[in-house]
Amino acid sequence: MKLYEDLLHPKDIRVLVIEPGEPDVPIYTRLEIVNLRKPSSYEALSYSWDGQIPQINISCNSRKFLVTQNVYNSMRMLRARDRPTALWIDQVCINQEILQERQSQVSLMGEIYSLAEKVVVWLGHADNNTEKAWKLLRRFLSIKVSDDNRSKLRAYGIAEGTVAAELPVATTPDGKSADNLESPMSLPQEMIGLPAVDSAEFLPVIELFSRSWFLRSWTFQEIVIGGPSSIVRCGPFVMEFRDLDRACRALDACGYYDALPWPSSATEALGQVLNISAQHAARQAKDKPPRIDYTLGYTKFLKASDPRDKVYALLGILDHKYAQHIYPNYTQPVSHAFCAAVRASIFADQCLAILSQAEAFGQKPADIPSWSPDWRQFSYDFGVYLGMRPLTGKKRYSASGDSLPQLVPWKDSKKLFLKGIKIKKITRTMSVDEDLALDYPSPSSVPLDSSRWAPSTWRDMYHNKARSIPQSCLRATEATAIHTVSLPTTPYPLESALEDTVTAGIYSRISNSRDLNSNFPAYAGWKETDSPAEVPPQVLREHDNYVCQSMKNRRVFIAGDDDDAYLGMASVEARPGDWIIVFFGGDTPFVLRPQNAISATDTPQMWEFVGPCYIHGMMDGEAGRQVPGLKFYYLRLSFQRTARVTFNQLLLMTATLLPQSGGSERQAPTNTITKKQVNRK
């Protein structure tokens, strides 16, 4: 009997049937071919390869077959004693030696997991601490968490060993019922039977969240598809994923997420559990399924043995509209998958939000175009993405007004051709730490009673630094009081312009209370008290924390001359001579670097993409309103080139975005972008 029978139909898959047996009996299995269009009963295993080499023998179709230790352990634990067990395990069910089969099966992964009777998460073999971790997580299931309590707790110092949660039986020191409290509870953890922040009881939980399953690209897709009813197993210990999610939310609300000395892997894992439910809910909402730009941005830290799987491993949870632009192909280089994802986002979503992830923080590898994000790289030093849309898809900025992207198809997959408007050339950059003294060291570590948080000191900081900014940087927003910060700490327009720039206008652009509570809980709580004149230290520290994040690896710049200038913020890689461009369909303006210009008066045919930027007074469609009666998104492909322009002569241009290292001559456009067949694990 052959080990692998041919899969004759595009929807055919193999299912592994494990024969019943006692725990100490050798494992016997057989492979059966089923068609996804016909009902069949099987469970899909979600696990991590962990770089293991198959070296444990099992019997499959009466032949010896090697599997990894992790898969072998899962099979022994999941095997029933009295009936066959049908599982889909990619390591066994896909003929890993045939590339074409791997590619075709990868494209079916979404269907395989969604049609499974159940998704079983295998975290690995249990150790001496697993039972302790399981018991502690179950203790957190008794805590009812509300978003209001979680956000207000963060506003008032969760790191100081307090909790905020709605508890059914807890009481305050004076004997009042916790449920009758008007304000969120803030009680020591010990009062409600939870371990102290520094308790050794949390070490098993930290060890559990340090397991590799939580941080793999493929397992993320598998659990998002499986949803809350998926079963999580670690050795003999079992829990539904919805219970793991509830326990993690209670951990977060009670302050442990921020207060515990989590290693980075465990911190990412806990955050990932909290994100999975949101992704699953978005996927279930047929009207607003997860977008590719959001999903790629928020899974960037996940690991994949093959970098192309940073894209391919997510296709099963994305809308089908992306499928016509991306097909797994492991014969093509990494750049092919990344560039295909960018084009798929632009074509399918009709926006350029995905380009915000291509911000330059140092030299990119030569194999990735300057306009493509490099999802292989992840660092917390990247700070806040400018222009990245949230899961809901609602845009925060509208630099190009209501226009849609105008992308010109070209044969060369490493070139991107977009239409836009040239605004100004950067003439001056300012160092965040030396020139503006805004690069603070860990504001969270400064005590709230420090003079650092005195409102007068905070005002003086912006007042002193604003002196170096030309008055011409003030736009119409100062005259109309549109999109200026709400904090009453910058009494003059230039101070307001500087603060608006270094915070990317965030305070005035959060439109609903839930987002405000999530991003700025201290500020939200302060506003609920009618915003007294004196700004609380918590609000000031929260502000500085955000500035540190938004300005991380960024700098302030002046574009134009002192008589007609713009104040903005962009990547630290931006430099004098770069141009500010507003592309059709762009939420933010972008910084481009001219390439191959013969002289200073020439308009270059090629441009290097530096990244998105924030420009004070240019984030709400103002570029198209500078010429009376003209909305730039009505313009068509009328101008292939432009002469050098001034601010009052905004002309349509075609921007050719190339790899940082340059590129070959541009090729003639085609009617469609060539799709190439694509490939998994």
Foldseek 3Di string as FASTA:
>chain_A
DDQDDDDDDLQKWKKKKWFAADLVDAIAIEIDIDGLVDADAAEEEQEDPVPFDFDDWHHYPNDTDTDGPQVVLVCSQPHHRPGIHIYDDCVRTFPVVDFVRQQSVLVCVLSVLLSYPAYAYELGADDPLQVLLLVQLLVLLQWAADLLLQLLCVLPDLLVQWFWTQHDAAADPVGHGCVPDPDTDTHHQVRVPHDTLPDPSCVSNLVSLLGQSLFALQSLQNDLSRAQQHWYDHHNDIDGLVSSLSSLSSCSRGSNLPNHPRDPSSNLSSVSSPVSNVQSVQLVPVVGHFALLQQLVSSLRGDDPAQLCSQSSNVSRGDCQLVVQDRAAPVDDSQSSQLSSQVSRCVVVQFNLSQLQLADLDADDQVHASSTHRSNDDDLLVFDRPFHAHRRRDTLFALQAPFTWDWFFAAPSQKTKTKWWFAFFFAWWDDCCPLLVLQDDPLVVDDLPDPCLFLQNVLVSLVVSLVPPFPLQDDCCVVVVQLFAPQPRHPDRSSRLVLCALLVSPRRRPDDLSVCSVQQVNVSVCVVVVNDNGRGSSNSSSSSVSSNRSPRQKIWTWTDDSNHIWIKMGGVPDDGQWTWIDTGNYQFIFTWHAPDAPDPFDDGQAIEGNHGMRIRPSGHQVLQPLAPPGNPSVDDPPDADDTDDHNSDIDMYMYMYHGPVDDDDGDDTDPDHDHDHHGGD
